[in-house]
Amino acid sequence: MTWTLEIAANSLASAKAAQAAGATRVELCAALESGGLTPSAGAIAGVRKRVALPVHVLVRPRAGDFCYSDAEHETMLADIAHCAASGCDGVVVGALTARGEVDVARCRDLLHAAGALDTTFHRAIDLCPDMPAALEAIVGLGFRRVLSSGGATDAISGAGMLRRLVEQAGERIVVMPGAGITPDNIARLAAHTRAREFHASAKRSCPTRMRVPADPALGMDGGELRADGARIRALLAALHAAEAT
């Protein structure tokens, strides 16, 4: 079996670590601590220039829910156009209605803007009260992939729903588990869900380079979060070991 490991990379350093450790793909984002937001134009350019892995860019204009205003929708369309013009390989997008259903009209616009780019519907699906119905809507729209924790706080807790979604999806769309995936649980998750693609941040907190005291009240409580090459290699080793058994 061929495994795919996508790493949520919040910087050029994280993307380079993912590449060096053998990851399959990076999801480039900003603000991992907020669940991920759209990265800057400079970050996209730097990663696209220096990283050979496929780069999928998260397009999410703000933290919080996924029910967007007209202005936010226009921002996402512009960001997708920028990703396409910058030579990115894919985008990670999604939008919901106030009732927690897939916003088919807005998502159709997003997909049209993406054109030939690879497309992933992000974890907005985990807020949908009826996840199987949401999956059918996502399939009908033409997304290539959906990222999900199975509607739970982490993929292990949502493994039952993830297996149900994988079975429902068949060959029509890739269901990619994500959230809380570690070297200690990825093999168990793979065996239970039968998924082939996995998403992880493999992050660690780096020591600050500053020589002045950090002030958590100012949002400055240490160094940056960064993908860790050793953790990525351990994730891949766990998958390969599971395949061999």
C-alpha atoms as a PDB file:
ATOM      1  CA  MET A   1       0.000   0.000   0.000  1.00  0.00           C
ATOM      2  CA  THR A   2       1.210   3.497  -0.800  1.00  0.00           C
ATOM      3  CA  TRP A   3       0.801   5.938   2.079  1.00  0.00           C
ATOM      4  CA  THR A   4       0.482   9.693   1.766  1.00  0.00           C
ATOM      5  CA  LEU A   5       1.565  11.889   4.664  1.00  0.00           C
ATOM      6  CA  GLU A   6       0.640  15.557   4.413  1.00  0.00           C
ATOM      7  CA  ILE A   7       2.292  17.927   6.870  1.00  0.00           C
ATOM      8  CA  ALA A   8       0.674  21.162   7.986  1.00  0.00           C
ATOM      9  CA  ALA A   9       3.549  23.586   7.502  1.00  0.00           C
ATOM     10  CA  ASN A  10       3.241  27.045   9.013  1.00  0.00           C
ATOM     11  CA  SER A  11       6.522  28.385   7.635  1.00  0.00           C
ATOM     12  CA  LEU A  12       9.308  27.799   5.153  1.00  0.00           C
ATOM     13  CA  ALA A  13      11.282  26.094   7.919  1.00  0.00           C
ATOM     14  CA  SER A  14       8.419  23.664   8.546  1.00  0.00           C
ATOM     15  CA  ALA A  15       7.997  22.938   4.832  1.00  0.00           C
ATOM     16  CA  LYS A  16      11.717  22.268   4.430  1.00  0.00           C
ATOM     17  CA  ALA A  17      11.643  19.957   7.460  1.00  0.00           C
ATOM     18  CA  ALA A  18       8.732  18.061   5.917  1.00  0.00           C
ATOM     19  CA  GLN A  19      10.599  17.652   2.654  1.00  0.00           C
ATOM     20  CA  ALA A  20      13.837  16.527   4.296  1.00  0.00           C
ATOM     21  CA  ALA A  21      12.001  13.959   6.434  1.00  0.00           C
ATOM     22  CA  GLY A  22      10.228  12.331   3.489  1.00  0.00           C
ATOM     23  CA  ALA A  23       6.694  13.713   3.727  1.00  0.00           C
ATOM     24  CA  THR A  24       4.528  13.463   0.621  1.00  0.00           C
ATOM     25  CA  ARG A  25       2.980  16.921   0.564  1.00  0.00           C
ATOM     26  CA  VAL A  26       2.689  20.113   2.598  1.00  0.00           C
ATOM     27  CA  GLU A  27      -0.392  22.084   3.491  1.00  0.00           C
ATOM     28  CA  LEU A  28       0.958  25.602   3.833  1.00  0.00           C
ATOM     29  CA  CYS A  29      -0.827  27.759   6.377  1.00  0.00           C
ATOM     30  CA  ALA A  30      -0.330  30.404   9.035  1.00  0.00           C
ATOM     31  CA  ALA A  31      -1.433  30.505  12.684  1.00  0.00           C
ATOM     32  CA  LEU A  32      -1.524  26.797  13.495  1.00  0.00           C
ATOM     33  CA  GLU A  33      -2.524  27.733  17.033  1.00  0.00           C
ATOM     34  CA  SER A  34      -5.807  29.062  15.586  1.00  0.00           C
ATOM     35  CA  GLY A  35      -6.466  26.011  13.457  1.00  0.00           C
ATOM     36  CA  GLY A  36      -4.688  27.464  10.423  1.00  0.00           C
ATOM     37  CA  LEU A  37      -5.240  30.582   8.323  1.00  0.00           C
ATOM     38  CA  THR A  38      -4.254  31.732   4.833  1.00  0.00           C
ATOM     39  CA  PRO A  39      -0.477  32.281   4.655  1.00  0.00           C
ATOM     40  CA  SER A  40       1.028  35.480   3.312  1.00  0.00           C
ATOM     41  CA  ALA A  41       2.011  36.021  -0.303  1.00  0.00           C
ATOM     42  CA  GLY A  42       5.644  36.101   0.794  1.00  0.00           C
ATOM     43  CA  ALA A  43       5.353  32.773   2.593  1.00  0.00           C
ATOM     44  CA  ILE A  44       3.775  31.174  -0.467  1.00  0.00           C
ATOM     45  CA  ALA A  45       6.498  32.533  -2.739  1.00  0.00           C
ATOM     46  CA  GLY A  46       9.295  31.398  -0.428  1.00  0.00           C
ATOM     47  CA  VAL A  47       7.984  27.857  -0.081  1.00  0.00           C
ATOM     48  CA  ARG A  48       7.176  27.526  -3.758  1.00  0.00           C
ATOM     49  CA  LYS A  49      10.727  28.626  -4.617  1.00  0.00           C
ATOM     50  CA  ARG A  50      12.584  26.417  -2.147  1.00  0.00           C
ATOM     51  CA  VAL A  51      10.428  23.301  -1.658  1.00  0.00           C
ATOM     52  CA  ALA A  52       9.905  20.719  -4.387  1.00  0.00           C
ATOM     53  CA  LEU A  53       7.057  18.866  -2.650  1.00  0.00           C
ATOM     54  CA  PRO A  54       3.475  19.497  -3.810  1.00  0.00           C
ATOM     55  CA  VAL A  55       2.242  22.592  -1.983  1.00  0.00           C
ATOM     56  CA  HIS A  56      -1.421  22.914  -1.062  1.00  0.00           C
ATOM     57  CA  VAL A  57      -2.370  26.257   0.461  1.00  0.00           C
ATOM     58  CA  LEU A  58      -5.004  26.645   3.163  1.00  0.00           C
ATOM     59  CA  VAL A  59      -7.450  29.391   2.195  1.00  0.00           C
ATOM     60  CA  ARG A  60      -9.212  30.465   5.382  1.00  0.00           C
ATOM     61  CA  PRO A  61      -9.571  34.214   5.927  1.00  0.00           C
ATOM     62  CA  ARG A  62     -10.130  34.180   9.688  1.00  0.00           C
ATOM     63  CA  ALA A  63     -10.378  31.966  12.732  1.00  0.00           C
ATOM     64  CA  GLY A  64     -13.745  30.841  14.029  1.00  0.00           C
ATOM     65  CA  ASP A  65     -16.633  29.327  12.114  1.00  0.00           C
ATOM     66  CA  PHE A  66     -16.905  28.634   8.392  1.00  0.00           C
ATOM     67  CA  CYS A  67     -20.015  30.669   7.558  1.00  0.00           C
ATOM     68  CA  TYR A  68     -18.558  33.515   5.531  1.00  0.00           C
ATOM     69  CA  SER A  69     -19.758  36.963   4.510  1.00  0.00           C
ATOM     70  CA  ASP A  70     -19.744  38.195   0.925  1.00  0.00           C
ATOM     71  CA  ALA A  71     -16.570  40.180   1.619  1.00  0.00           C
ATOM     72  CA  GLU A  72     -14.814  37.146   3.108  1.00  0.00           C
ATOM     73  CA  HIS A  73     -15.890  35.046   0.144  1.00  0.00           C
ATOM     74  CA  GLU A  74     -14.378  37.597  -2.239  1.00  0.00           C
ATOM     75  CA  THR A  75     -11.161  37.483  -0.217  1.00  0.00           C
ATOM     76  CA  MET A  76     -10.993  33.699  -0.572  1.00  0.00           C
ATOM     77  CA  LEU A  77     -11.569  33.902  -4.313  1.00  0.00           C
ATOM     78  CA  ALA A  78      -8.731  36.417  -4.624  1.00  0.00           C
ATOM     79  CA  ASP A  79      -6.431  34.257  -2.487  1.00  0.00           C
ATOM     80  CA  ILE A  80      -7.166  31.199  -4.638  1.00  0.00           C
ATOM     81  CA  ALA A  81      -6.379  33.187  -7.765  1.00  0.00           C
ATOM     82  CA  HIS A  82      -3.074  34.206  -6.199  1.00  0.00           C
ATOM     83  CA  CYS A  83      -2.260  30.580  -5.376  1.00  0.00           C
ATOM     84  CA  ALA A  84      -2.933  29.550  -8.961  1.00  0.00           C
ATOM     85  CA  ALA A  85      -0.772  32.359 -10.315  1.00  0.00           C
ATOM     86  CA  SER A  86       2.022  31.471  -7.873  1.00  0.00           C
ATOM     87  CA  GLY A  87       2.348  27.917  -9.149  1.00  0.00           C
ATOM     88  CA  CYS A  88       0.851  26.159  -6.131  1.00  0.00           C
ATOM     89  CA  ASP A  89      -0.387  22.617  -6.612  1.00  0.00           C
ATOM     90  CA  GLY A  90      -3.625  22.790  -4.683  1.00  0.00           C
ATOM     91  CA  VAL A  91      -5.844  24.678  -2.269  1.00  0.00           C
ATOM     92  CA  VAL A  92      -7.627  23.636   0.915  1.00  0.00           C
ATOM     93  CA  VAL A  93     -10.984  25.374   1.240  1.00  0.00           C
ATOM     94  CA  GLY A  94     -14.527  25.040   2.532  1.00  0.00           C
ATOM     95  CA  ALA A  95     -17.637  26.961   3.537  1.00  0.00           C
ATOM     96  CA  LEU A  96     -20.783  26.143   5.501  1.00  0.00           C
ATOM     97  CA  THR A  97     -24.246  27.596   5.811  1.00  0.00           C
ATOM     98  CA  ALA A  98     -25.640  28.860   9.092  1.00  0.00           C
ATOM     99  CA  ARG A  99     -27.339  25.458   9.502  1.00  0.00           C
ATOM    100  CA  GLY A 100     -24.027  23.621   9.324  1.00  0.00           C
ATOM    101  CA  GLU A 101     -24.524  22.270   5.831  1.00  0.00           C
ATOM    102  CA  VAL A 102     -22.011  22.533   2.996  1.00  0.00           C
ATOM    103  CA  ASP A 103     -22.494  25.909   1.296  1.00  0.00           C
ATOM    104  CA  VAL A 104     -22.772  24.484  -2.193  1.00  0.00           C
ATOM    105  CA  ALA A 105     -23.032  27.851  -3.974  1.00  0.00           C
ATOM    106  CA  ARG A 106     -19.956  29.353  -2.323  1.00  0.00           C
ATOM    107  CA  CYS A 107     -17.942  26.136  -2.645  1.00  0.00           C
ATOM    108  CA  ARG A 108     -18.802  25.945  -6.342  1.00  0.00           C
ATOM    109  CA  ASP A 109     -17.348  29.450  -6.743  1.00  0.00           C
ATOM    110  CA  LEU A 110     -14.211  28.418  -4.863  1.00  0.00           C
ATOM    111  CA  LEU A 111     -13.732  25.372  -7.052  1.00  0.00           C
ATOM    112  CA  HIS A 112     -14.252  27.414 -10.193  1.00  0.00           C
ATOM    113  CA  ALA A 113     -11.534  29.810  -9.032  1.00  0.00           C
ATOM    114  CA  ALA A 114      -9.227  26.849  -8.310  1.00  0.00           C
ATOM    115  CA  GLY A 115      -9.515  25.589 -11.881  1.00  0.00           C
ATOM    116  CA  ALA A 116      -7.032  22.760 -12.430  1.00  0.00           C
ATOM    117  CA  LEU A 117      -5.593  22.963  -8.896  1.00  0.00           C
ATOM    118  CA  ASP A 118      -6.000  19.968  -6.604  1.00  0.00           C
ATOM    119  CA  THR A 119      -8.742  20.652  -4.048  1.00  0.00           C
ATOM    120  CA  THR A 120      -9.289  19.552  -0.452  1.00  0.00           C
ATOM    121  CA  PHE A 121     -12.378  20.356   1.623  1.00  0.00           C
ATOM    122  CA  HIS A 122     -11.033  21.134   5.083  1.00  0.00           C
ATOM    123  CA  ARG A 123     -12.236  20.291   8.580  1.00  0.00           C
ATOM    124  CA  ALA A 124     -15.348  22.420   8.245  1.00  0.00           C
ATOM    125  CA  ILE A 125     -17.004  19.047   7.619  1.00  0.00           C
ATOM    126  CA  ASP A 126     -16.429  18.235  11.292  1.00  0.00           C
ATOM    127  CA  LEU A 127     -18.989  20.905  12.238  1.00  0.00           C
ATOM    128  CA  CYS A 128     -21.692  19.409  10.012  1.00  0.00           C
ATOM    129  CA  PRO A 129     -24.464  17.693  12.027  1.00  0.00           C
ATOM    130  CA  ASP A 130     -24.906  15.141   9.222  1.00  0.00           C
ATOM    131  CA  MET A 131     -21.409  14.262   8.089  1.00  0.00           C
ATOM    132  CA  PRO A 132     -22.404  11.521   5.592  1.00  0.00           C
ATOM    133  CA  ALA A 133     -24.759  13.972   3.856  1.00  0.00           C
ATOM    134  CA  ALA A 134     -22.012  16.594   3.870  1.00  0.00           C
ATOM    135  CA  LEU A 135     -19.627  14.100   2.275  1.00  0.00           C
ATOM    136  CA  GLU A 136     -22.110  13.486  -0.542  1.00  0.00           C
ATOM    137  CA  ALA A 137     -22.355  17.228  -1.170  1.00  0.00           C
ATOM    138  CA  ILE A 138     -18.557  17.502  -1.240  1.00  0.00           C
ATOM    139  CA  VAL A 139     -18.306  14.588  -3.661  1.00  0.00           C
ATOM    140  CA  GLY A 140     -20.985  16.130  -5.864  1.00  0.00           C
ATOM    141  CA  LEU A 141     -19.082  19.401  -6.030  1.00  0.00           C
ATOM    142  CA  GLY A 142     -15.999  17.625  -7.348  1.00  0.00           C
ATOM    143  CA  PHE A 143     -13.493  17.960  -4.512  1.00  0.00           C
ATOM    144  CA  ARG A 144     -10.590  15.515  -4.708  1.00  0.00           C
ATOM    145  CA  ARG A 145     -10.154  15.086  -0.959  1.00  0.00           C
ATOM    146  CA  VAL A 146     -11.699  15.878   2.421  1.00  0.00           C
ATOM    147  CA  LEU A 147      -9.789  16.399   5.674  1.00  0.00           C
ATOM    148  CA  SER A 148     -11.614  15.279   8.802  1.00  0.00           C
ATOM    149  CA  SER A 149     -11.283  14.214  12.410  1.00  0.00           C
ATOM    150  CA  GLY A 150     -14.566  12.334  12.159  1.00  0.00           C
ATOM    151  CA  GLY A 151     -16.411  15.157  13.906  1.00  0.00           C
ATOM    152  CA  ALA A 152     -14.389  14.690  17.108  1.00  0.00           C
ATOM    153  CA  THR A 153     -11.653  16.687  18.776  1.00  0.00           C
ATOM    154  CA  ASP A 154      -9.074  14.303  17.328  1.00  0.00           C
ATOM    155  CA  ALA A 155      -8.963  11.591  14.699  1.00  0.00           C
ATOM    156  CA  ILE A 156      -8.582   8.740  17.188  1.00  0.00           C
ATOM    157  CA  SER A 157     -11.786   9.769  18.968  1.00  0.00           C
ATOM    158  CA  GLY A 158     -13.514  10.096  15.593  1.00  0.00           C
ATOM    159  CA  ALA A 159     -12.102   6.880  14.114  1.00  0.00           C
ATOM    160  CA  GLY A 160     -15.506   5.211  13.899  1.00  0.00           C
ATOM    161  CA  MET A 161     -16.996   8.002  11.810  1.00  0.00           C
ATOM    162  CA  LEU A 162     -13.826   8.209   9.731  1.00  0.00           C
ATOM    163  CA  ARG A 163     -14.110   4.531   8.842  1.00  0.00           C
ATOM    164  CA  ARG A 164     -17.748   5.069   7.896  1.00  0.00           C
ATOM    165  CA  LEU A 165     -16.783   8.000   5.658  1.00  0.00           C
ATOM    166  CA  VAL A 166     -13.927   6.050   4.032  1.00  0.00           C
ATOM    167  CA  GLU A 167     -16.329   3.210   3.222  1.00  0.00           C
ATOM    168  CA  GLN A 168     -18.958   5.640   1.933  1.00  0.00           C
ATOM    169  CA  ALA A 169     -16.430   7.482  -0.219  1.00  0.00           C
ATOM    170  CA  GLY A 170     -15.094   4.403  -1.979  1.00  0.00           C
ATOM    171  CA  GLU A 171     -12.981   5.542  -4.901  1.00  0.00           C
ATOM    172  CA  ARG A 172     -14.947   8.756  -5.432  1.00  0.00           C
ATOM    173  CA  ILE A 173     -12.964  10.956  -3.054  1.00  0.00           C
ATOM    174  CA  VAL A 174     -10.074  10.618  -0.606  1.00  0.00           C
ATOM    175  CA  VAL A 175     -10.974  10.836   3.084  1.00  0.00           C
ATOM    176  CA  MET A 176      -7.856  12.044   4.928  1.00  0.00           C
ATOM    177  CA  PRO A 177      -7.847  11.750   8.736  1.00  0.00           C
ATOM    178  CA  GLY A 178      -6.237  14.601  10.633  1.00  0.00           C
ATOM    179  CA  ALA A 179      -6.019  16.113  14.157  1.00  0.00           C
ATOM    180  CA  GLY A 180      -3.985  14.666  16.979  1.00  0.00           C
ATOM    181  CA  ILE A 181      -2.165  12.107  14.834  1.00  0.00           C
ATOM    182  CA  THR A 182       1.126  10.944  16.345  1.00  0.00           C
ATOM    183  CA  PRO A 183       3.666   8.169  15.737  1.00  0.00           C
ATOM    184  CA  ASP A 184       2.014   6.264  18.593  1.00  0.00           C
ATOM    185  CA  ASN A 185      -1.466   6.170  17.059  1.00  0.00           C
ATOM    186  CA  ILE A 186      -1.149   6.498  13.290  1.00  0.00           C
ATOM    187  CA  ALA A 187      -0.792   2.757  12.620  1.00  0.00           C
ATOM    188  CA  ARG A 188      -3.842   1.975  14.751  1.00  0.00           C
ATOM    189  CA  LEU A 189      -5.789   4.705  12.982  1.00  0.00           C
ATOM    190  CA  ALA A 190      -4.754   3.384   9.571  1.00  0.00           C
ATOM    191  CA  ALA A 191      -5.818  -0.155  10.449  1.00  0.00           C
ATOM    192  CA  HIS A 192      -9.189   0.925  11.817  1.00  0.00           C
ATOM    193  CA  THR A 193     -10.193   3.520   9.211  1.00  0.00           C
ATOM    194  CA  ARG A 194      -8.487   1.944   6.169  1.00  0.00           C
ATOM    195  CA  ALA A 195      -7.521   5.440   5.062  1.00  0.00           C
ATOM    196  CA  ARG A 196      -4.497   5.889   2.807  1.00  0.00           C
ATOM    197  CA  GLU A 197      -3.751   9.573   3.340  1.00  0.00           C
ATOM    198  CA  PHE A 198      -3.031  11.225   6.683  1.00  0.00           C
ATOM    199  CA  HIS A 199      -2.557  14.810   7.839  1.00  0.00           C
ATOM    200  CA  ALA A 200      -0.380  15.852  10.778  1.00  0.00           C
ATOM    201  CA  SER A 201       1.453  18.913  11.997  1.00  0.00           C
ATOM    202  CA  ALA A 202       4.239  16.968  13.780  1.00  0.00           C
ATOM    203  CA  LYS A 203       4.970  20.237  15.501  1.00  0.00           C
ATOM    204  CA  ARG A 204       7.179  21.159  18.391  1.00  0.00           C
ATOM    205  CA  SER A 205       7.763  24.439  20.169  1.00  0.00           C
ATOM    206  CA  CYS A 206      11.192  25.847  19.390  1.00  0.00           C
ATOM    207  CA  PRO A 207      13.126  27.772  22.043  1.00  0.00           C
ATOM    208  CA  THR A 208      12.953  31.508  21.594  1.00  0.00           C
ATOM    209  CA  ARG A 209      16.056  33.249  20.266  1.00  0.00           C
ATOM    210  CA  MET A 210      15.244  36.385  22.258  1.00  0.00           C
ATOM    211  CA  ARG A 211      17.196  37.209  25.396  1.00  0.00           C
ATOM    212  CA  VAL A 212      14.423  39.136  27.102  1.00  0.00           C
ATOM    213  CA  PRO A 213      11.682  37.545  29.238  1.00  0.00           C
ATOM    214  CA  ALA A 214       8.633  36.316  27.329  1.00  0.00           C
ATOM    215  CA  ASP A 215       5.285  37.868  28.260  1.00  0.00           C
ATOM    216  CA  PRO A 216       2.280  35.567  27.728  1.00  0.00           C
ATOM    217  CA  ALA A 217      -0.037  38.540  28.275  1.00  0.00           C
ATOM    218  CA  LEU A 218       1.297  39.981  25.017  1.00  0.00           C
ATOM    219  CA  GLY A 219       0.942  36.682  23.180  1.00  0.00           C
ATOM    220  CA  MET A 220       4.705  36.207  23.338  1.00  0.00           C
ATOM    221  CA  ASP A 221       5.200  33.062  25.387  1.00  0.00           C
ATOM    222  CA  GLY A 222       8.162  31.458  23.679  1.00  0.00           C
ATOM    223  CA  GLY A 223       9.540  30.444  20.322  1.00  0.00           C
ATOM    224  CA  GLU A 224       7.751  29.425  17.166  1.00  0.00           C
ATOM    225  CA  LEU A 225       5.874  26.217  16.449  1.00  0.00           C
ATOM    226  CA  ARG A 226       7.651  24.226  13.756  1.00  0.00           C
ATOM    227  CA  ALA A 227       7.253  20.845  12.075  1.00  0.00           C
ATOM    228  CA  ASP A 228       9.819  18.444  13.493  1.00  0.00           C
ATOM    229  CA  GLY A 229      11.710  16.189  11.113  1.00  0.00           C
ATOM    230  CA  ALA A 230      12.196  13.426  13.684  1.00  0.00           C
ATOM    231  CA  ARG A 231       8.460  13.263  14.355  1.00  0.00           C
ATOM    232  CA  ILE A 232       7.690  13.151  10.654  1.00  0.00           C
ATOM    233  CA  ARG A 233      10.145  10.286  10.131  1.00  0.00           C
ATOM    234  CA  ALA A 234       8.578   8.478  13.101  1.00  0.00           C
ATOM    235  CA  LEU A 235       5.108   8.869  11.566  1.00  0.00           C
ATOM    236  CA  LEU A 236       6.332   7.385   8.295  1.00  0.00           C
ATOM    237  CA  ALA A 237       8.182   4.573  10.064  1.00  0.00           C
ATOM    238  CA  ALA A 238       5.033   3.646  11.975  1.00  0.00           C
ATOM    239  CA  LEU A 239       3.042   3.462   8.752  1.00  0.00           C
ATOM    240  CA  HIS A 240       5.652   1.328   7.017  1.00  0.00           C
ATOM    241  CA  ALA A 241       5.931  -0.983  10.027  1.00  0.00           C
ATOM    242  CA  ALA A 242       2.163  -1.446  10.029  1.00  0.00           C
ATOM    243  CA  GLU A 243       2.259  -2.337   6.353  1.00  0.00           C
ATOM    244  CA  ALA A 244       4.905  -4.982   6.976  1.00  0.00           C
ATOM    245  CA  THR A 245       2.904  -6.779   9.667  1.00  0.00           C
END
